[in-house]
Amino acid sequence: MIIGLPREIKPQEYRVALVPSAAYQLIQRGHAVVVEKNAGAGSGYPDADYEHAGVTLVDSHAAVFAKADLIVKVKEPLPEEYPLLRPGQMLFTYLHLAANRALTDALLKSGITGIAYETIEVNRRLPLLEPMSEIAGRMSILVGGYFLAKHHGGSGTLLGGVPGVLPGKVVVLGGGVSGINAARMAIGLGADVTILEVDLERMRFLDITLHTSHTLYSSEAHLMELLPSVDLLIGAVLVPGAKAPRLIRREMLRRMRPGSVLVDIAIDQGGCAETSHPTTHDHPVFVEEGVTHYCVANMPGAYARTATQALTNVTHRYIELLADHGLAEACRLQPALTGGINIQEGRITCPAVADAHGLKFTPPKLN
């Protein structure tokens, strides 16, 4: 099979979908790998590293799509990439279709098979999403603390406090992978941390694991009680494959102090606040109701080398399966891969995506 690795064209996206060593392993298994020049430069992998691995380097973005049977990316295709997709081709990347009707329509029209990293589920875990959730969770405290600084429009609160001064208060909505990583970082800085969660077993786990934080059952009443005193609010809720639930309405934000910060990690699934909209690393924040919103849709792209290595660690086995066996046999050998198929030859094959857009769901065709 021919695997294509294009350079990411989303603004400030520096990750790449395969490190050179993973490309080398694919070539050793008898496959061809076509890589766009400078695809890995943003992650610290120059073209020479890919040449040494045995890939074929091409000059243009379009050439990768034209040659490859399987396109491997990090982020969803942008509008200028839609015409490059063709029937019979497989696309393996983060898609987040529930929050993007235009992309959903474009993939349906293209006739490709779109496989999403974020909907592959193994034992109630999302193994291909987890590394990026870990990075985004840890990063949320770094950027949140940064924008709490007075010269960045924040309240001037230092999350860790100092002797004689109480620490800042951090509230994390959701105790999943990104939430627990946000909490760990905030605890490490010495902040006062409360995690809101609905799963009682998860709360018990959090209570034992993060014994210096507080857990609270997630309800609107409890959130409303916390908002007037919170300095940094982290939105870390996730419904696999579906749009993020809107837990924070505009009138709720008005209860927060001016200069407080909201980091909406769920923005790539539509965001968990009514006031959230996607931003970029160039212009990461905006202010609504006196609250600084950080809503960058590709947060891990800021730490591209770490993110690229973490992503390849979990995706390369699935890429090898698809390349070695094709879609149907790969899904038979690893049934979890079936859950990743969001679009197949003009049909929506993921229930959460179909529900989000009010479109018909059709099970994947694997024979």
Protein backbone atom coordinates (compact mmCIF):
# COMPACT_ATOMS: atom_id res chain seq x y z
CA MET A 1 0.00 0.00 0.00
CA ILE A 2 1.08 3.60 -0.58
CA ILE A 3 0.86 5.71 2.58
CA GLY A 4 0.81 9.48 2.15
CA LEU A 5 2.09 11.94 4.72
CA PRO A 6 1.16 15.55 3.81
CA ARG A 7 2.39 18.63 5.62
CA GLU A 8 -0.27 20.04 7.95
CA ILE A 9 -1.65 23.35 6.65
CA LYS A 10 -3.85 24.37 9.58
CA PRO A 11 -2.47 27.67 10.99
CA GLN A 12 0.24 27.10 13.62
CA GLU A 13 -0.04 23.33 13.30
CA TYR A 14 3.49 21.94 13.54
CA ARG A 15 2.78 18.28 14.28
CA VAL A 16 3.32 15.52 11.75
CA ALA A 17 1.46 12.21 11.65
CA LEU A 18 4.47 9.86 11.44
CA VAL A 19 8.01 10.13 12.77
CA PRO A 20 10.75 8.86 10.41
CA SER A 21 11.28 5.64 12.40
CA ALA A 22 7.60 4.70 11.98
CA ALA A 23 7.83 5.40 8.24
CA TYR A 24 10.91 3.16 8.12
CA GLN A 25 9.00 0.31 9.77
CA LEU A 26 6.22 0.60 7.18
CA ILE A 27 8.75 0.47 4.35
CA GLN A 28 10.37 -2.61 5.92
CA ARG A 29 6.93 -4.25 5.81
CA GLY A 30 6.84 -3.75 2.03
CA HIS A 31 4.84 -0.52 1.78
CA ALA A 32 5.72 2.76 0.11
CA VAL A 33 5.59 6.03 2.05
CA VAL A 34 5.22 9.35 0.23
CA VAL A 35 6.06 12.44 2.28
CA GLU A 36 5.61 16.09 1.40
CA LYS A 37 8.82 18.08 1.80
CA ASN A 38 9.11 19.87 5.16
CA ALA A 39 6.20 17.85 6.60
CA GLY A 40 8.18 17.07 9.74
CA ALA A 41 10.23 20.26 10.05
CA GLY A 42 7.91 21.82 12.65
CA SER A 43 8.37 18.80 14.92
CA GLY A 44 12.14 18.75 14.51
CA TYR A 45 12.30 16.04 11.84
CA PRO A 46 14.06 17.38 8.72
CA ASP A 47 13.60 15.88 5.27
CA ALA A 48 16.99 14.18 5.57
CA ASP A 49 15.63 11.98 8.38
CA TYR A 50 12.77 10.81 6.17
CA GLU A 51 15.10 10.26 3.20
CA HIS A 52 17.31 8.12 5.42
CA ALA A 53 14.20 6.08 6.33
CA GLY A 54 13.60 5.37 2.64
CA VAL A 55 10.51 7.46 1.92
CA THR A 56 9.74 9.20 -1.36
CA LEU A 57 9.77 12.98 -0.90
CA VAL A 58 7.50 15.08 -3.13
CA ASP A 59 7.33 18.83 -3.61
CA SER A 60 3.60 19.43 -3.57
CA HIS A 61 0.69 18.85 -1.22
CA ALA A 62 -1.47 17.61 -4.09
CA ALA A 63 1.11 14.99 -5.12
CA VAL A 64 0.80 13.20 -1.77
CA PHE A 65 -2.99 12.93 -2.11
CA ALA A 66 -2.71 11.86 -5.75
CA LYS A 67 -0.30 8.99 -5.05
CA ALA A 68 -1.51 7.62 -1.71
CA ASP A 69 -4.08 4.91 -0.96
CA LEU A 70 -4.00 5.82 2.75
CA ILE A 71 -3.59 9.44 3.85
CA VAL A 72 -2.31 9.80 7.41
CA LYS A 73 -2.72 13.24 9.00
CA VAL A 74 -2.97 14.95 12.37
CA LYS A 75 -5.79 17.44 11.80
CA GLU A 76 -8.95 17.31 9.73
CA PRO A 77 -8.77 18.35 6.05
CA LEU A 78 -9.25 22.06 5.40
CA PRO A 79 -11.46 23.35 2.53
CA GLU A 80 -8.53 23.66 0.14
CA GLU A 81 -7.83 19.96 0.67
CA TYR A 82 -11.38 18.76 -0.05
CA PRO A 83 -10.84 18.55 -3.84
CA LEU A 84 -7.75 16.40 -3.31
CA LEU A 85 -9.73 13.55 -1.72
CA ARG A 86 -10.99 10.81 -4.02
CA PRO A 87 -13.25 7.73 -3.89
CA GLY A 88 -11.60 4.56 -2.63
CA GLN A 89 -9.02 6.46 -0.59
CA MET A 90 -8.70 6.08 3.19
CA LEU A 91 -8.08 9.04 5.47
CA PHE A 92 -6.80 8.40 9.01
CA THR A 93 -6.70 11.47 11.26
CA TYR A 94 -8.51 13.46 13.94
CA LEU A 95 -11.81 14.42 12.30
CA HIS A 96 -14.15 15.83 15.03
CA LEU A 97 -17.03 15.71 12.54
CA ALA A 98 -19.83 16.28 15.06
CA ALA A 99 -18.75 19.92 15.37
CA ASN A 100 -18.17 20.51 11.65
CA ARG A 101 -21.05 20.08 9.20
CA ALA A 102 -19.13 21.53 6.23
CA LEU A 103 -16.35 18.96 6.61
CA THR A 104 -18.88 16.17 7.08
CA ASP A 105 -20.63 17.12 3.83
CA ALA A 106 -17.31 17.40 1.98
CA LEU A 107 -16.16 13.94 3.09
CA LEU A 108 -19.52 12.44 2.16
CA LYS A 109 -19.24 13.98 -1.29
CA SER A 110 -15.63 12.85 -1.79
CA GLY A 111 -16.41 9.13 -1.49
CA ILE A 112 -13.47 8.44 0.81
CA THR A 113 -13.41 6.33 3.96
CA GLY A 114 -12.71 8.64 6.88
CA ILE A 115 -11.33 6.97 10.02
CA ALA A 116 -11.15 9.16 13.11
CA TYR A 117 -8.55 8.67 15.80
CA GLU A 118 -10.90 10.07 18.43
CA THR A 119 -13.68 7.47 18.09
CA ILE A 120 -11.56 4.31 18.35
CA GLU A 121 -12.51 2.88 21.72
CA VAL A 122 -10.80 0.03 23.62
CA ASN A 123 -12.19 -1.05 26.99
CA ARG A 124 -14.03 2.26 27.41
CA ARG A 125 -10.81 4.16 26.66
CA LEU A 126 -9.92 6.28 23.65
CA PRO A 127 -6.27 5.27 23.20
CA LEU A 128 -5.58 7.43 20.14
CA LEU A 129 -7.05 10.53 21.76
CA GLU A 130 -5.52 10.06 25.21
CA PRO A 131 -1.99 11.36 24.47
CA MET A 132 -3.33 14.63 23.06
CA SER A 133 -5.77 14.92 25.97
CA GLU A 134 -2.86 14.49 28.35
CA ILE A 135 -0.93 17.28 26.64
CA ALA A 136 -3.94 19.59 26.42
CA GLY A 137 -4.80 19.00 30.08
CA ARG A 138 -1.30 19.77 31.30
CA MET A 139 -0.98 22.72 28.93
CA SER A 140 -4.32 24.20 30.09
CA ILE A 141 -2.81 25.11 33.47
CA LEU A 142 0.29 26.63 31.87
CA VAL A 143 -1.71 28.89 29.56
CA GLY A 144 -4.39 29.58 32.16
CA GLY A 145 -1.80 30.77 34.68
CA TYR A 146 -0.12 32.85 31.97
CA PHE A 147 -3.31 34.71 31.08
CA LEU A 148 -4.16 35.30 34.74
CA ALA A 149 -1.21 37.72 34.78
CA LYS A 150 -2.35 41.34 35.04
CA HIS A 151 -0.41 42.50 31.97
CA HIS A 152 -2.31 39.88 29.92
CA GLY A 153 -5.69 41.16 31.10
CA GLY A 154 -6.01 38.72 33.98
CA SER A 155 -6.88 39.30 37.61
CA GLY A 156 -3.23 39.21 38.67
CA THR A 157 -3.65 36.01 40.69
CA LEU A 158 -0.71 33.61 41.00
CA LEU A 159 -2.12 30.10 41.05
CA GLY A 160 0.30 28.80 43.65
CA GLY A 161 0.02 31.78 45.96
CA VAL A 162 2.87 32.52 48.38
CA PRO A 163 3.27 32.12 52.16
CA GLY A 164 0.60 34.25 53.79
CA VAL A 165 -1.50 34.48 50.60
CA LEU A 166 -4.09 31.91 49.58
CA PRO A 167 -3.50 30.09 46.26
CA GLY A 168 -5.67 30.58 43.20
CA LYS A 169 -8.75 28.44 42.75
CA VAL A 170 -8.95 26.06 39.79
CA VAL A 171 -12.15 24.26 38.84
CA VAL A 172 -11.95 21.40 36.33
CA LEU A 173 -15.14 20.29 34.57
CA GLY A 174 -14.69 16.58 33.86
CA GLY A 175 -12.44 14.01 35.48
CA GLY A 176 -11.35 12.21 32.32
CA VAL A 177 -7.86 12.13 30.82
CA SER A 178 -7.54 15.85 30.12
CA GLY A 179 -9.24 16.75 33.40
CA ILE A 180 -6.99 14.61 35.59
CA ASN A 181 -3.89 15.92 33.83
CA ALA A 182 -5.04 19.50 34.32
CA ALA A 183 -5.66 18.77 38.00
CA ARG A 184 -2.23 17.17 38.43
CA MET A 185 -0.50 20.22 36.98
CA ALA A 186 -2.56 22.64 39.07
CA ILE A 187 -1.88 20.66 42.25
CA GLY A 188 1.82 20.67 41.40
CA LEU A 189 1.74 24.46 41.27
CA GLY A 190 0.05 24.57 44.66
CA ALA A 191 -3.38 25.73 43.48
CA ASP A 192 -6.67 24.95 45.23
CA VAL A 193 -8.25 22.40 42.86
CA THR A 194 -11.83 21.12 42.58
CA ILE A 195 -12.86 18.54 39.97
CA LEU A 196 -16.52 18.23 38.94
CA GLU A 197 -17.52 14.77 37.72
CA VAL A 198 -20.73 12.73 37.36
CA ASP A 199 -19.26 9.21 37.56
CA LEU A 200 -19.06 8.22 41.23
CA GLU A 201 -16.49 5.49 40.62
CA ARG A 202 -14.34 7.97 38.75
CA MET A 203 -14.66 10.40 41.66
CA ARG A 204 -13.45 7.70 44.06
CA PHE A 205 -10.46 7.09 41.79
CA LEU A 206 -9.72 10.83 41.63
CA ASP A 207 -10.07 11.17 45.38
CA ILE A 208 -7.53 8.41 45.99
CA THR A 209 -5.16 9.44 43.19
CA LEU A 210 -5.27 13.21 43.69
CA HIS A 211 -5.73 13.29 47.42
CA THR A 212 -4.92 17.02 47.75
CA SER A 213 -7.73 18.04 45.35
CA HIS A 214 -11.47 18.12 46.00
CA THR A 215 -14.13 16.22 44.07
CA LEU A 216 -17.69 17.45 43.67
CA TYR A 217 -20.66 15.95 41.88
CA SER A 218 -21.11 17.85 38.62
CA SER A 219 -24.38 19.77 38.59
CA GLU A 220 -25.37 23.25 37.53
CA ALA A 221 -26.14 24.17 41.15
CA HIS A 222 -22.68 23.17 42.34
CA LEU A 223 -21.00 24.96 39.44
CA MET A 224 -22.99 28.12 40.12
CA GLU A 225 -21.82 28.05 43.74
CA LEU A 226 -18.17 27.78 42.67
CA LEU A 227 -18.07 30.34 39.85
CA PRO A 228 -17.91 33.54 41.95
CA SER A 229 -14.65 32.42 43.55
CA VAL A 230 -12.92 30.58 40.70
CA ASP A 231 -9.78 32.02 39.09
CA LEU A 232 -9.23 29.40 36.37
CA LEU A 233 -12.02 27.26 34.91
CA ILE A 234 -11.00 24.28 32.75
CA GLY A 235 -13.58 22.78 30.39
CA ALA A 236 -12.52 19.14 30.02
CA VAL A 237 -15.77 17.35 29.17
CA LEU A 238 -15.98 14.76 26.42
CA VAL A 239 -18.68 12.64 24.80
CA PRO A 240 -16.83 10.33 22.35
CA GLY A 241 -17.50 11.37 18.78
CA ALA A 242 -20.31 13.77 19.72
CA LYS A 243 -20.53 17.51 20.27
CA ALA A 244 -19.41 18.64 23.71
CA PRO A 245 -22.29 19.39 26.08
CA ARG A 246 -22.82 23.11 26.69
CA LEU A 247 -22.42 23.26 30.46
CA ILE A 248 -21.64 26.97 30.77
CA ARG A 249 -24.19 29.53 29.64
CA ARG A 250 -23.43 33.22 29.18
CA GLU A 251 -25.33 34.25 32.29
CA MET A 252 -23.27 31.78 34.32
CA LEU A 253 -20.04 33.48 33.23
CA ARG A 254 -21.33 36.76 34.63
CA ARG A 255 -20.92 35.24 38.08
CA MET A 256 -17.17 34.96 37.57
CA ARG A 257 -14.80 37.71 38.65
CA PRO A 258 -13.41 40.05 35.95
CA GLY A 259 -9.99 38.82 34.86
CA SER A 260 -10.67 35.16 35.54
CA VAL A 261 -9.81 32.67 32.79
CA LEU A 262 -11.68 29.88 30.98
CA VAL A 263 -9.66 27.29 29.04
CA ASP A 264 -12.08 25.31 26.88
CA ILE A 265 -10.22 22.10 26.00
CA ALA A 266 -13.45 20.77 24.44
CA ILE A 267 -13.43 23.41 21.70
CA ASP A 268 -12.47 20.93 18.97
CA GLN A 269 -15.80 19.22 19.70
CA GLY A 270 -17.71 22.51 19.69
CA GLY A 271 -16.80 23.74 23.17
CA CYS A 272 -18.52 23.42 26.53
CA ALA A 273 -19.33 27.13 26.96
CA GLU A 274 -21.98 29.08 25.06
CA THR A 275 -19.48 31.91 24.55
CA SER A 276 -16.63 29.76 23.19
CA HIS A 277 -15.45 29.84 19.59
CA PRO A 278 -12.23 28.42 18.10
CA THR A 279 -9.06 30.52 18.25
CA THR A 280 -5.50 30.01 17.02
CA HIS A 281 -2.08 30.06 18.63
CA ASP A 282 -1.47 33.45 16.96
CA HIS A 283 -4.59 34.94 18.58
CA PRO A 284 -5.44 32.49 21.36
CA VAL A 285 -7.78 34.51 23.58
CA PHE A 286 -10.79 36.81 23.61
CA VAL A 287 -12.86 38.31 26.39
CA GLU A 288 -16.56 37.71 26.99
CA GLU A 289 -18.39 38.93 30.10
CA GLY A 290 -15.06 39.97 31.59
CA VAL A 291 -13.67 36.41 31.36
CA THR A 292 -10.63 35.64 29.22
CA HIS A 293 -11.40 32.67 26.95
CA TYR A 294 -8.60 30.45 25.66
CA CYS A 295 -10.13 28.26 22.92
CA VAL A 296 -7.29 27.07 20.68
CA ALA A 297 -8.58 24.07 18.73
CA ASN A 298 -5.18 22.40 18.31
CA MET A 299 -3.60 23.00 21.69
CA PRO A 300 -1.03 20.15 21.49
CA GLY A 301 0.36 21.69 18.29
CA ALA A 302 2.20 24.18 20.50
CA TYR A 303 4.38 21.35 21.80
CA ALA A 304 4.74 19.70 18.44
CA ARG A 305 7.70 17.43 19.05
CA THR A 306 6.29 15.89 22.21
CA ALA A 307 2.84 15.63 20.61
CA THR A 308 4.14 14.04 17.41
CA GLN A 309 6.07 11.39 19.31
CA ALA A 310 3.13 10.66 21.62
CA LEU A 311 0.71 10.43 18.69
CA THR A 312 2.88 8.10 16.61
CA ASN A 313 3.34 5.84 19.63
CA VAL A 314 -0.37 4.99 19.56
CA THR A 315 -1.30 5.31 15.86
CA HIS A 316 1.47 3.38 14.12
CA ARG A 317 0.06 -0.06 15.01
CA TYR A 318 -3.28 0.83 13.44
CA ILE A 319 -1.56 2.26 10.37
CA GLU A 320 0.38 -0.98 10.00
CA LEU A 321 -2.84 -2.99 10.28
CA LEU A 322 -4.58 -0.92 7.60
CA ALA A 323 -1.58 -1.06 5.30
CA ASP A 324 -0.90 -4.77 5.78
CA HIS A 325 -4.48 -6.04 5.55
CA GLY A 326 -6.83 -3.38 4.15
CA LEU A 327 -9.83 -1.99 6.00
CA ALA A 328 -12.07 -5.06 6.33
CA GLU A 329 -9.43 -7.50 7.54
CA ALA A 330 -7.84 -4.86 9.80
CA CYS A 331 -11.21 -4.35 11.49
CA ARG A 332 -11.60 -8.11 11.91
CA LEU A 333 -8.18 -8.35 13.55
CA GLN A 334 -8.73 -5.24 15.69
CA PRO A 335 -12.50 -4.70 16.12
CA ALA A 336 -11.98 -1.35 17.87
CA LEU A 337 -10.89 0.07 14.51
CA THR A 338 -14.47 -0.30 13.26
CA GLY A 339 -15.56 2.38 15.72
CA GLY A 340 -13.15 4.78 14.05
CA ILE A 341 -14.96 4.63 10.70
CA ASN A 342 -16.99 7.86 10.62
CA ILE A 343 -17.56 8.15 6.85
CA GLN A 344 -17.53 5.41 4.25
CA GLU A 345 -18.18 5.89 0.54
CA GLY A 346 -20.80 8.61 0.94
CA ARG A 347 -22.43 7.26 4.13
CA ILE A 348 -22.18 8.31 7.78
CA THR A 349 -21.06 5.27 9.75
CA CYS A 350 -20.72 6.82 13.23
CA PRO A 351 -23.97 7.18 15.25
CA ALA A 352 -22.78 10.23 17.20
CA VAL A 353 -21.92 12.12 14.00
CA ALA A 354 -25.26 11.21 12.40
CA ASP A 355 -27.12 12.37 15.52
CA ALA A 356 -25.19 15.63 15.67
CA HIS A 357 -26.23 16.59 12.14
CA GLY A 358 -29.63 14.92 11.96
CA LEU A 359 -28.46 12.63 9.14
CA LYS A 360 -28.93 8.94 8.47
CA PHE A 361 -26.62 6.44 10.14
CA THR A 362 -25.47 3.37 8.20
CA PRO A 363 -23.26 0.67 9.77
CA PRO A 364 -19.81 0.28 8.20
CA LYS A 365 -19.60 -2.12 5.29
CA LEU A 366 -16.77 -4.57 5.88
CA ASN A 367 -17.25 -7.43 3.45
